[in-house]
Amino acid sequence: TVHNSLKDYEVCSLTRWFYITALRL
């Protein structure tokens, strides 16, 4: 379930990249 877009997460760019990559895989 996606409640907010990952591009808007209040996290650092490295953490955001990790989530995008991990969720895509």
mmCIF file of all heavy atoms, coordinates in Angstrom:
data_MODEL
# 
_entry.id   MODEL 
# 
loop_
_atom_site.group_PDB 
_atom_site.id 
_atom_site.type_symbol 
_atom_site.label_atom_id 
_atom_site.label_alt_id 
_atom_site.label_comp_id 
_atom_site.label_asym_id 
_atom_site.label_entity_id 
_atom_site.label_seq_id 
_atom_site.pdbx_PDB_ins_code 
_atom_site.Cartn_x 
_atom_site.Cartn_y 
_atom_site.Cartn_z 
_atom_site.occupancy 
_atom_site.B_iso_or_equiv 
_atom_site.pdbx_formal_charge 
_atom_site.auth_seq_id 
_atom_site.auth_comp_id 
_atom_site.auth_asym_id 
_atom_site.auth_atom_id 
_atom_site.pdbx_PDB_model_num 
ATOM 1   N N   . THR A 1 1  ? 0.846  -1.192 0.000   1.00 0.00 ? 1  THR A N   1 
ATOM 2   C CA  . THR A 1 1  ? 0.000  0.000  0.000   1.00 0.00 ? 1  THR A CA  1 
ATOM 3   C C   . THR A 1 1  ? 0.881  1.242  0.000   1.00 0.00 ? 1  THR A C   1 
ATOM 4   O O   . THR A 1 1  ? 1.818  1.343  0.788   1.00 0.00 ? 1  THR A O   1 
ATOM 5   C CB  . THR A 1 1  ? -0.930 0.016  1.230   1.00 0.00 ? 1  THR A CB  1 
ATOM 6   O OG1 . THR A 1 1  ? -1.567 -1.249 1.344   1.00 0.00 ? 1  THR A OG1 1 
ATOM 7   C CG2 . THR A 1 1  ? -1.985 1.098  1.097   1.00 0.00 ? 1  THR A CG2 1 
ATOM 8   N N   . VAL A 1 2  ? 0.566  2.173  -0.902  1.00 0.00 ? 2  VAL A N   1 
ATOM 9   C CA  . VAL A 1 2  ? 1.339  3.401  -1.062  1.00 0.00 ? 2  VAL A CA  1 
ATOM 10  C C   . VAL A 1 2  ? 0.476  4.569  -0.598  1.00 0.00 ? 2  VAL A C   1 
ATOM 11  O O   . VAL A 1 2  ? -0.539 4.885  -1.218  1.00 0.00 ? 2  VAL A O   1 
ATOM 12  C CB  . VAL A 1 2  ? 1.777  3.598  -2.522  1.00 0.00 ? 2  VAL A CB  1 
ATOM 13  C CG1 . VAL A 1 2  ? 2.537  4.913  -2.683  1.00 0.00 ? 2  VAL A CG1 1 
ATOM 14  C CG2 . VAL A 1 2  ? 2.632  2.417  -2.983  1.00 0.00 ? 2  VAL A CG2 1 
ATOM 15  N N   . HIS A 1 3  ? 0.881  5.200  0.499   1.00 0.00 ? 3  HIS A N   1 
ATOM 16  C CA  . HIS A 1 3  ? 0.139  6.337  1.044   1.00 0.00 ? 3  HIS A CA  1 
ATOM 17  C C   . HIS A 1 3  ? 0.735  7.675  0.613   1.00 0.00 ? 3  HIS A C   1 
ATOM 18  O O   . HIS A 1 3  ? 0.036  8.686  0.623   1.00 0.00 ? 3  HIS A O   1 
ATOM 19  C CB  . HIS A 1 3  ? 0.118  6.261  2.574   1.00 0.00 ? 3  HIS A CB  1 
ATOM 20  C CG  . HIS A 1 3  ? -0.632 5.085  3.115   1.00 0.00 ? 3  HIS A CG  1 
ATOM 21  N ND1 . HIS A 1 3  ? -1.987 5.103  3.349   1.00 0.00 ? 3  HIS A ND1 1 
ATOM 22  C CD2 . HIS A 1 3  ? -0.225 3.826  3.448   1.00 0.00 ? 3  HIS A CD2 1 
ATOM 23  C CE1 . HIS A 1 3  ? -2.387 3.930  3.822   1.00 0.00 ? 3  HIS A CE1 1 
ATOM 24  N NE2 . HIS A 1 3  ? -1.326 3.136  3.880   1.00 0.00 ? 3  HIS A NE2 1 
ATOM 25  N N   . ASN A 1 4  ? 2.019  7.681  0.256   1.00 0.00 ? 4  ASN A N   1 
ATOM 26  C CA  . ASN A 1 4  ? 2.694  8.900  -0.202  1.00 0.00 ? 4  ASN A CA  1 
ATOM 27  C C   . ASN A 1 4  ? 3.717  8.535  -1.263  1.00 0.00 ? 4  ASN A C   1 
ATOM 28  O O   . ASN A 1 4  ? 4.300  7.442  -1.222  1.00 0.00 ? 4  ASN A O   1 
ATOM 29  C CB  . ASN A 1 4  ? 3.412  9.606  0.955   1.00 0.00 ? 4  ASN A CB  1 
ATOM 30  C CG  . ASN A 1 4  ? 2.470  10.062 2.044   1.00 0.00 ? 4  ASN A CG  1 
ATOM 31  O OD1 . ASN A 1 4  ? 2.266  9.349  3.017   1.00 0.00 ? 4  ASN A OD1 1 
ATOM 32  N ND2 . ASN A 1 4  ? 1.892  11.235 1.890   1.00 0.00 ? 4  ASN A ND2 1 
ATOM 33  N N   . SER A 1 5  ? 3.958  9.449  -2.178  1.00 0.00 ? 5  SER A N   1 
ATOM 34  C CA  . SER A 1 5  ? 4.956  9.209  -3.213  1.00 0.00 ? 5  SER A CA  1 
ATOM 35  C C   . SER A 1 5  ? 6.360  9.226  -2.610  1.00 0.00 ? 5  SER A C   1 
ATOM 36  O O   . SER A 1 5  ? 6.669  10.074 -1.765  1.00 0.00 ? 5  SER A O   1 
ATOM 37  C CB  . SER A 1 5  ? 4.860  10.278 -4.304  1.00 0.00 ? 5  SER A CB  1 
ATOM 38  O OG  . SER A 1 5  ? 3.634  10.176 -4.999  1.00 0.00 ? 5  SER A OG  1 
ATOM 39  N N   . LEU A 1 6  ? 7.194  8.316  -3.081  1.00 0.00 ? 6  LEU A N   1 
ATOM 40  C CA  . LEU A 1 6  ? 8.564  8.245  -2.566  1.00 0.00 ? 6  LEU A CA  1 
ATOM 41  C C   . LEU A 1 6  ? 9.338  9.533  -2.801  1.00 0.00 ? 6  LEU A C   1 
ATOM 42  O O   . LEU A 1 6  ? 10.191 9.910  -1.994  1.00 0.00 ? 6  LEU A O   1 
ATOM 43  C CB  . LEU A 1 6  ? 9.296  7.081  -3.237  1.00 0.00 ? 6  LEU A CB  1 
ATOM 44  C CG  . LEU A 1 6  ? 9.251  5.728  -2.530  1.00 0.00 ? 6  LEU A CG  1 
ATOM 45  C CD1 . LEU A 1 6  ? 9.865  4.649  -3.404  1.00 0.00 ? 6  LEU A CD1 1 
ATOM 46  C CD2 . LEU A 1 6  ? 9.969  5.793  -1.185  1.00 0.00 ? 6  LEU A CD2 1 
ATOM 47  N N   . LYS A 1 7  ? 9.037  10.240 -3.879  1.00 0.00 ? 7  LYS A N   1 
ATOM 48  C CA  . LYS A 1 7  ? 9.767  11.482 -4.168  1.00 0.00 ? 7  LYS A CA  1 
ATOM 49  C C   . LYS A 1 7  ? 9.526  12.542 -3.105  1.00 0.00 ? 7  LYS A C   1 
ATOM 50  O O   . LYS A 1 7  ? 10.295 13.508 -2.988  1.00 0.00 ? 7  LYS A O   1 
ATOM 51  C CB  . LYS A 1 7  ? 9.377  12.017 -5.548  1.00 0.00 ? 7  LYS A CB  1 
ATOM 52  C CG  . LYS A 1 7  ? 7.935  12.454 -5.688  1.00 0.00 ? 7  LYS A CG  1 
ATOM 53  C CD  . LYS A 1 7  ? 7.635  12.906 -7.100  1.00 0.00 ? 7  LYS A CD  1 
ATOM 54  C CE  . LYS A 1 7  ? 6.177  13.324 -7.270  1.00 0.00 ? 7  LYS A CE  1 
ATOM 55  N NZ  . LYS A 1 7  ? 5.817  14.490 -6.456  1.00 0.00 ? 7  LYS A NZ  1 
ATOM 56  N N   . ASP A 1 8  ? 8.463  12.362 -2.302  1.00 0.00 ? 8  ASP A N   1 
ATOM 57  C CA  . ASP A 1 8  ? 8.134  13.347 -1.275  1.00 0.00 ? 8  ASP A CA  1 
ATOM 58  C C   . ASP A 1 8  ? 8.513  12.904 0.132   1.00 0.00 ? 8  ASP A C   1 
ATOM 59  O O   . ASP A 1 8  ? 8.230  13.614 1.095   1.00 0.00 ? 8  ASP A O   1 
ATOM 60  C CB  . ASP A 1 8  ? 6.627  13.641 -1.308  1.00 0.00 ? 8  ASP A CB  1 
ATOM 61  C CG  . ASP A 1 8  ? 6.189  14.298 -2.605  1.00 0.00 ? 8  ASP A CG  1 
ATOM 62  O OD1 . ASP A 1 8  ? 6.962  15.127 -3.127  1.00 0.00 ? 8  ASP A OD1 1 
ATOM 63  O OD2 . ASP A 1 8  ? 5.097  13.974 -3.105  1.00 0.00 ? 8  ASP A OD2 1 
ATOM 64  N N   . TYR A 1 9  ? 9.143  11.731 0.263   1.00 0.00 ? 9  TYR A N   1 
ATOM 65  C CA  . TYR A 1 9  ? 9.537  11.266 1.598   1.00 0.00 ? 9  TYR A CA  1 
ATOM 66  C C   . TYR A 1 9  ? 10.546 12.229 2.213   1.00 0.00 ? 9  TYR A C   1 
ATOM 67  O O   . TYR A 1 9  ? 11.454 12.718 1.528   1.00 0.00 ? 9  TYR A O   1 
ATOM 68  C CB  . TYR A 1 9  ? 10.155 9.863  1.517   1.00 0.00 ? 9  TYR A CB  1 
ATOM 69  C CG  . TYR A 1 9  ? 9.158  8.735  1.648   1.00 0.00 ? 9  TYR A CG  1 
ATOM 70  C CD1 . TYR A 1 9  ? 7.921  8.799  1.030   1.00 0.00 ? 9  TYR A CD1 1 
ATOM 71  C CD2 . TYR A 1 9  ? 9.466  7.593  2.380   1.00 0.00 ? 9  TYR A CD2 1 
ATOM 72  C CE1 . TYR A 1 9  ? 7.014  7.761  1.138   1.00 0.00 ? 9  TYR A CE1 1 
ATOM 73  C CE2 . TYR A 1 9  ? 8.562  6.536  2.493   1.00 0.00 ? 9  TYR A CE2 1 
ATOM 74  C CZ  . TYR A 1 9  ? 7.336  6.634  1.869   1.00 0.00 ? 9  TYR A CZ  1 
ATOM 75  O OH  . TYR A 1 9  ? 6.430  5.603  1.979   1.00 0.00 ? 9  TYR A OH  1 
ATOM 76  N N   . GLU A 1 10 ? 10.382 12.485 3.513   1.00 0.00 ? 10 GLU A N   1 
ATOM 77  C CA  . GLU A 1 10 ? 11.311 13.372 4.231   1.00 0.00 ? 10 GLU A CA  1 
ATOM 78  C C   . GLU A 1 10 ? 12.530 12.576 4.692   1.00 0.00 ? 10 GLU A C   1 
ATOM 79  O O   . GLU A 1 10 ? 12.740 12.347 5.880   1.00 0.00 ? 10 GLU A O   1 
ATOM 80  C CB  . GLU A 1 10 ? 10.591 14.022 5.412   1.00 0.00 ? 10 GLU A CB  1 
ATOM 81  C CG  . GLU A 1 10 ? 9.446  14.932 4.990   1.00 0.00 ? 10 GLU A CG  1 
ATOM 82  C CD  . GLU A 1 10 ? 8.703  15.515 6.168   1.00 0.00 ? 10 GLU A CD  1 
ATOM 83  O OE1 . GLU A 1 10 ? 9.181  16.522 6.724   1.00 0.00 ? 10 GLU A OE1 1 
ATOM 84  O OE2 . GLU A 1 10 ? 7.651  14.967 6.544   1.00 0.00 ? 10 GLU A OE2 1 
ATOM 85  N N   . VAL A 1 11 ? 13.312 12.119 3.715   1.00 0.00 ? 11 VAL A N   1 
ATOM 86  C CA  . VAL A 1 11 ? 14.526 11.345 3.983   1.00 0.00 ? 11 VAL A CA  1 
ATOM 87  C C   . VAL A 1 11 ? 15.639 11.889 3.101   1.00 0.00 ? 11 VAL A C   1 
ATOM 88  O O   . VAL A 1 11 ? 15.397 12.636 2.152   1.00 0.00 ? 11 VAL A O   1 
ATOM 89  C CB  . VAL A 1 11 ? 14.311 9.836  3.705   1.00 0.00 ? 11 VAL A CB  1 
ATOM 90  C CG1 . VAL A 1 11 ? 13.280 9.249  4.648   1.00 0.00 ? 11 VAL A CG1 1 
ATOM 91  C CG2 . VAL A 1 11 ? 13.890 9.596  2.247   1.00 0.00 ? 11 VAL A CG2 1 
ATOM 92  N N   . CYS A 1 12 ? 16.872 11.479 3.399   1.00 0.00 ? 12 CYS A N   1 
ATOM 93  C CA  . CYS A 1 12 ? 17.996 11.926 2.586   1.00 0.00 ? 12 CYS A CA  1 
ATOM 94  C C   . CYS A 1 12 ? 17.954 11.242 1.221   1.00 0.00 ? 12 CYS A C   1 
ATOM 95  O O   . CYS A 1 12 ? 17.279 10.233 1.025   1.00 0.00 ? 12 CYS A O   1 
ATOM 96  C CB  . CYS A 1 12 ? 19.318 11.637 3.293   1.00 0.00 ? 12 CYS A CB  1 
ATOM 97  S SG  . CYS A 1 12 ? 19.720 9.871  3.413   1.00 0.00 ? 12 CYS A SG  1 
ATOM 98  N N   . SER A 1 13 ? 18.686 11.800 0.266   1.00 0.00 ? 13 SER A N   1 
ATOM 99  C CA  . SER A 1 13 ? 18.643 11.290 -1.107  1.00 0.00 ? 13 SER A CA  1 
ATOM 100 C C   . SER A 1 13 ? 19.138 9.848  -1.192  1.00 0.00 ? 13 SER A C   1 
ATOM 101 O O   . SER A 1 13 ? 18.642 9.055  -2.000  1.00 0.00 ? 13 SER A O   1 
ATOM 102 C CB  . SER A 1 13 ? 19.466 12.183 -2.030  1.00 0.00 ? 13 SER A CB  1 
ATOM 103 O OG  . SER A 1 13 ? 20.797 12.303 -1.561  1.00 0.00 ? 13 SER A OG  1 
ATOM 104 N N   . LEU A 1 14 ? 20.117 9.473  -0.341  1.00 0.00 ? 14 LEU A N   1 
ATOM 105 C CA  . LEU A 1 14 ? 20.632 8.104  -0.365  1.00 0.00 ? 14 LEU A CA  1 
ATOM 106 C C   . LEU A 1 14 ? 19.549 7.115  0.086   1.00 0.00 ? 14 LEU A C   1 
ATOM 107 O O   . LEU A 1 14 ? 19.361 6.060  -0.532  1.00 0.00 ? 14 LEU A O   1 
ATOM 108 C CB  . LEU A 1 14 ? 21.864 7.978  0.535   1.00 0.00 ? 14 LEU A CB  1 
ATOM 109 C CG  . LEU A 1 14 ? 22.494 6.575  0.621   1.00 0.00 ? 14 LEU A CG  1 
ATOM 110 C CD1 . LEU A 1 14 ? 22.954 6.125  -0.763  1.00 0.00 ? 14 LEU A CD1 1 
ATOM 111 C CD2 . LEU A 1 14 ? 23.651 6.567  1.616   1.00 0.00 ? 14 LEU A CD2 1 
ATOM 112 N N   . THR A 1 15 ? 18.824 7.464  1.152   1.00 0.00 ? 15 THR A N   1 
ATOM 113 C CA  . THR A 1 15 ? 17.755 6.592  1.632   1.00 0.00 ? 15 THR A CA  1 
ATOM 114 C C   . THR A 1 15 ? 16.643 6.477  0.588   1.00 0.00 ? 15 THR A C   1 
ATOM 115 O O   . THR A 1 15 ? 16.111 5.385  0.355   1.00 0.00 ? 15 THR A O   1 
ATOM 116 C CB  . THR A 1 15 ? 17.172 7.135  2.955   1.00 0.00 ? 15 THR A CB  1 
ATOM 117 O OG1 . THR A 1 15 ? 18.208 7.204  3.929   1.00 0.00 ? 15 THR A OG1 1 
ATOM 118 C CG2 . THR A 1 15 ? 16.052 6.238  3.474   1.00 0.00 ? 15 THR A CG2 1 
ATOM 119 N N   . ARG A 1 16 ? 16.315 7.611  -0.036  1.00 0.00 ? 16 ARG A N   1 
ATOM 120 C CA  . ARG A 1 16 ? 15.278 7.569  -1.073  1.00 0.00 ? 16 ARG A CA  1 
ATOM 121 C C   . ARG A 1 16 ? 15.726 6.669  -2.220  1.00 0.00 ? 16 ARG A C   1 
ATOM 122 O O   . ARG A 1 16 ? 14.943 5.883  -2.740  1.00 0.00 ? 16 ARG A O   1 
ATOM 123 C CB  . ARG A 1 16 ? 14.979 8.980  -1.575  1.00 0.00 ? 16 ARG A CB  1 
ATOM 124 C CG  . ARG A 1 16 ? 13.834 9.025  -2.591  1.00 0.00 ? 16 ARG A CG  1 
ATOM 125 C CD  . ARG A 1 16 ? 13.517 10.437 -3.038  1.00 0.00 ? 16 ARG A CD  1 
ATOM 126 N NE  . ARG A 1 16 ? 12.967 11.225 -1.947  1.00 0.00 ? 16 ARG A NE  1 
ATOM 127 C CZ  . ARG A 1 16 ? 13.619 12.169 -1.291  1.00 0.00 ? 16 ARG A CZ  1 
ATOM 128 N NH1 . ARG A 1 16 ? 14.874 12.459 -1.625  1.00 0.00 ? 16 ARG A NH1 1 
ATOM 129 N NH2 . ARG A 1 16 ? 13.054 12.835 -0.309  1.00 0.00 ? 16 ARG A NH2 1 
ATOM 130 N N   . TRP A 1 17 ? 16.973 6.783  -2.639  1.00 0.00 ? 17 TRP A N   1 
ATOM 131 C CA  . TRP A 1 17 ? 17.488 5.930  -3.722  1.00 0.00 ? 17 TRP A CA  1 
ATOM 132 C C   . TRP A 1 17 ? 17.406 4.455  -3.317  1.00 0.00 ? 17 TRP A C   1 
ATOM 133 O O   . TRP A 1 17 ? 17.016 3.605  -4.133  1.00 0.00 ? 17 TRP A O   1 
ATOM 134 C CB  . TRP A 1 17 ? 18.943 6.300  -4.028  1.00 0.00 ? 17 TRP A CB  1 
ATOM 135 C CG  . TRP A 1 17 ? 19.577 5.347  -5.005  1.00 0.00 ? 17 TRP A CG  1 
ATOM 136 C CD1 . TRP A 1 17 ? 19.526 5.382  -6.362  1.00 0.00 ? 17 TRP A CD1 1 
ATOM 137 C CD2 . TRP A 1 17 ? 20.332 4.161  -4.661  1.00 0.00 ? 17 TRP A CD2 1 
ATOM 138 N NE1 . TRP A 1 17 ? 20.195 4.310  -6.901  1.00 0.00 ? 17 TRP A NE1 1 
ATOM 139 C CE2 . TRP A 1 17 ? 20.699 3.540  -5.890  1.00 0.00 ? 17 TRP A CE2 1 
ATOM 140 C CE3 . TRP A 1 17 ? 20.717 3.580  -3.467  1.00 0.00 ? 17 TRP A CE3 1 
ATOM 141 C CZ2 . TRP A 1 17 ? 21.447 2.365  -5.930  1.00 0.00 ? 17 TRP A CZ2 1 
ATOM 142 C CZ3 . TRP A 1 17 ? 21.460 2.406  -3.508  1.00 0.00 ? 17 TRP A CZ3 1 
ATOM 143 C CH2 . TRP A 1 17 ? 21.823 1.813  -4.724  1.00 0.00 ? 17 TRP A CH2 1 
ATOM 144 N N   . PHE A 1 18 ? 17.751 4.158  -2.067  1.00 0.00 ? 18 PHE A N   1 
ATOM 145 C CA  . PHE A 1 18 ? 17.685 2.771  -1.605  1.00 0.00 ? 18 PHE A CA  1 
ATOM 146 C C   . PHE A 1 18 ? 16.261 2.235  -1.706  1.00 0.00 ? 18 PHE A C   1 
ATOM 147 O O   . PHE A 1 18 ? 16.036 1.129  -2.203  1.00 0.00 ? 18 PHE A O   1 
ATOM 148 C CB  . PHE A 1 18 ? 18.176 2.662  -0.157  1.00 0.00 ? 18 PHE A CB  1 
ATOM 149 C CG  . PHE A 1 18 ? 18.014 1.276  0.419   1.00 0.00 ? 18 PHE A CG  1 
ATOM 150 C CD1 . PHE A 1 18 ? 18.978 0.298  0.220   1.00 0.00 ? 18 PHE A CD1 1 
ATOM 151 C CD2 . PHE A 1 18 ? 16.871 0.939  1.147   1.00 0.00 ? 18 PHE A CD2 1 
ATOM 152 C CE1 . PHE A 1 18 ? 18.810 -0.987 0.734   1.00 0.00 ? 18 PHE A CE1 1 
ATOM 153 C CE2 . PHE A 1 18 ? 16.693 -0.336 1.665   1.00 0.00 ? 18 PHE A CE2 1 
ATOM 154 C CZ  . PHE A 1 18 ? 17.673 -1.301 1.458   1.00 0.00 ? 18 PHE A CZ  1 
ATOM 155 N N   . TYR A 1 19 ? 15.294 3.016  -1.232  1.00 0.00 ? 19 TYR A N   1 
ATOM 156 C CA  . TYR A 1 19 ? 13.908 2.556  -1.261  1.00 0.00 ? 19 TYR A CA  1 
ATOM 157 C C   . TYR A 1 19 ? 13.419 2.355  -2.694  1.00 0.00 ? 19 TYR A C   1 
ATOM 158 O O   . TYR A 1 19 ? 12.772 1.349  -3.008  1.00 0.00 ? 19 TYR A O   1 
ATOM 159 C CB  . TYR A 1 19 ? 12.995 3.554  -0.544  1.00 0.00 ? 19 TYR A CB  1 
ATOM 160 C CG  . TYR A 1 19 ? 12.958 3.384  0.957   1.00 0.00 ? 19 TYR A CG  1 
ATOM 161 C CD1 . TYR A 1 19 ? 13.003 4.485  1.801   1.00 0.00 ? 19 TYR A CD1 1 
ATOM 162 C CD2 . TYR A 1 19 ? 12.859 2.120  1.537   1.00 0.00 ? 19 TYR A CD2 1 
ATOM 163 C CE1 . TYR A 1 19 ? 12.963 4.347  3.185   1.00 0.00 ? 19 TYR A CE1 1 
ATOM 164 C CE2 . TYR A 1 19 ? 12.822 1.971  2.910   1.00 0.00 ? 19 TYR A CE2 1 
ATOM 165 C CZ  . TYR A 1 19 ? 12.867 3.076  3.734   1.00 0.00 ? 19 TYR A CZ  1 
ATOM 166 O OH  . TYR A 1 19 ? 12.826 2.931  5.089   1.00 0.00 ? 19 TYR A OH  1 
ATOM 167 N N   . ILE A 1 20 ? 13.719 3.315  -3.573  1.00 0.00 ? 20 ILE A N   1 
ATOM 168 C CA  . ILE A 1 20 ? 13.266 3.188  -4.964  1.00 0.00 ? 20 ILE A CA  1 
ATOM 169 C C   . ILE A 1 20 ? 13.859 1.938  -5.597  1.00 0.00 ? 20 ILE A C   1 
ATOM 170 O O   . ILE A 1 20 ? 13.158 1.152  -6.255  1.00 0.00 ? 20 ILE A O   1 
ATOM 171 C CB  . ILE A 1 20 ? 13.661 4.446  -5.772  1.00 0.00 ? 20 ILE A CB  1 
ATOM 172 C CG1 . ILE A 1 20 ? 12.823 5.639  -5.305  1.00 0.00 ? 20 ILE A CG1 1 
ATOM 173 C CG2 . ILE A 1 20 ? 13.452 4.214  -7.264  1.00 0.00 ? 20 ILE A CG2 1 
ATOM 174 C CD1 . ILE A 1 20 ? 13.247 6.968  -5.916  1.00 0.00 ? 20 ILE A CD1 1 
ATOM 175 N N   . THR A 1 21 ? 15.147 1.730  -5.369  1.00 0.00 ? 21 THR A N   1 
ATOM 176 C CA  . THR A 1 21 ? 15.814 0.549  -5.943  1.00 0.00 ? 21 THR A CA  1 
ATOM 177 C C   . THR A 1 21 ? 15.278 -0.740 -5.335  1.00 0.00 ? 21 THR A C   1 
ATOM 178 O O   . THR A 1 21 ? 14.969 -1.700 -6.057  1.00 0.00 ? 21 THR A O   1 
ATOM 179 C CB  . THR A 1 21 ? 17.333 0.644  -5.716  1.00 0.00 ? 21 THR A CB  1 
ATOM 180 O OG1 . THR A 1 21 ? 17.828 1.860  -6.292  1.00 0.00 ? 21 THR A OG1 1 
ATOM 181 C CG2 . THR A 1 21 ? 18.043 -0.539 -6.346  1.00 0.00 ? 21 THR A CG2 1 
ATOM 182 N N   . ALA A 1 22 ? 15.168 -0.773 -4.013  1.00 0.00 ? 22 ALA A N   1 
ATOM 183 C CA  . ALA A 1 22 ? 14.708 -1.981 -3.325  1.00 0.00 ? 22 ALA A CA  1 
ATOM 184 C C   . ALA A 1 22 ? 13.277 -2.335 -3.701  1.00 0.00 ? 22 ALA A C   1 
ATOM 185 O O   . ALA A 1 22 ? 12.946 -3.518 -3.927  1.00 0.00 ? 22 ALA A O   1 
ATOM 186 C CB  . ALA A 1 22 ? 14.822 -1.793 -1.815  1.00 0.00 ? 22 ALA A CB  1 
ATOM 187 N N   . LEU A 1 23 ? 12.427 -1.332 -3.809  1.00 0.00 ? 23 LEU A N   1 
ATOM 188 C CA  . LEU A 1 23 ? 11.032 -1.603 -4.151  1.00 0.00 ? 23 LEU A CA  1 
ATOM 189 C C   . LEU A 1 23 ? 10.884 -2.007 -5.614  1.00 0.00 ? 23 LEU A C   1 
ATOM 190 O O   . LEU A 1 23 ? 10.030 -2.835 -5.950  1.00 0.00 ? 23 LEU A O   1 
ATOM 191 C CB  . LEU A 1 23 ? 10.167 -0.371 -3.838  1.00 0.00 ? 23 LEU A CB  1 
ATOM 192 C CG  . LEU A 1 23 ? 10.023 -0.085 -2.342  1.00 0.00 ? 23 LEU A CG  1 
ATOM 193 C CD1 . LEU A 1 23 ? 9.342  1.261  -2.108  1.00 0.00 ? 23 LEU A CD1 1 
ATOM 194 C CD2 . LEU A 1 23 ? 9.241  -1.187 -1.639  1.00 0.00 ? 23 LEU A CD2 1 
ATOM 195 N N   . ARG A 1 24 ? 11.730 -1.465 -6.471  1.00 0.00 ? 24 ARG A N   1 
ATOM 196 C CA  . ARG A 1 24 ? 11.679 -1.874 -7.875  1.00 0.00 ? 24 ARG A CA  1 
ATOM 197 C C   . ARG A 1 24 ? 12.129 -3.335 -8.013  1.00 0.00 ? 24 ARG A C   1 
ATOM 198 O O   . ARG A 1 24 ? 11.516 -4.120 -8.748  1.00 0.00 ? 24 ARG A O   1 
ATOM 199 C CB  . ARG A 1 24 ? 12.589 -0.959 -8.704  1.00 0.00 ? 24 ARG A CB  1 
ATOM 200 C CG  . ARG A 1 24 ? 12.475 -1.211 -10.211 1.00 0.00 ? 24 ARG A CG  1 
ATOM 201 C CD  . ARG A 1 24 ? 13.394 -0.284 -10.980 1.00 0.00 ? 24 ARG A CD  1 
ATOM 202 N NE  . ARG A 1 24 ? 12.963 1.106  -10.875 1.00 0.00 ? 24 ARG A NE  1 
ATOM 203 C CZ  . ARG A 1 24 ? 13.760 2.124  -10.600 1.00 0.00 ? 24 ARG A CZ  1 
ATOM 204 N NH1 . ARG A 1 24 ? 15.043 1.914  -10.355 1.00 0.00 ? 24 ARG A NH1 1 
ATOM 205 N NH2 . ARG A 1 24 ? 13.298 3.349  -10.560 1.00 0.00 ? 24 ARG A NH2 1 
ATOM 206 N N   . LEU A 1 25 ? 13.170 -3.713 -7.268  1.00 0.00 ? 25 LEU A N   1 
ATOM 207 C CA  . LEU A 1 25 ? 13.674 -5.088 -7.359  1.00 0.00 ? 25 LEU A CA  1 
ATOM 208 C C   . LEU A 1 25 ? 12.697 -6.099 -6.756  1.00 0.00 ? 25 LEU A C   1 
ATOM 209 O O   . LEU A 1 25 ? 12.623 -7.241 -7.220  1.00 0.00 ? 25 LEU A O   1 
ATOM 210 C CB  . LEU A 1 25 ? 15.029 -5.189 -6.644  1.00 0.00 ? 25 LEU A CB  1 
ATOM 211 C CG  . LEU A 1 25 ? 16.199 -4.468 -7.322  1.00 0.00 ? 25 LEU A CG  1 
ATOM 212 C CD1 . LEU A 1 25 ? 17.438 -4.508 -6.435  1.00 0.00 ? 25 LEU A CD1 1 
ATOM 213 C CD2 . LEU A 1 25 ? 16.494 -5.102 -8.682  1.00 0.00 ? 25 LEU A CD2 1 
# 
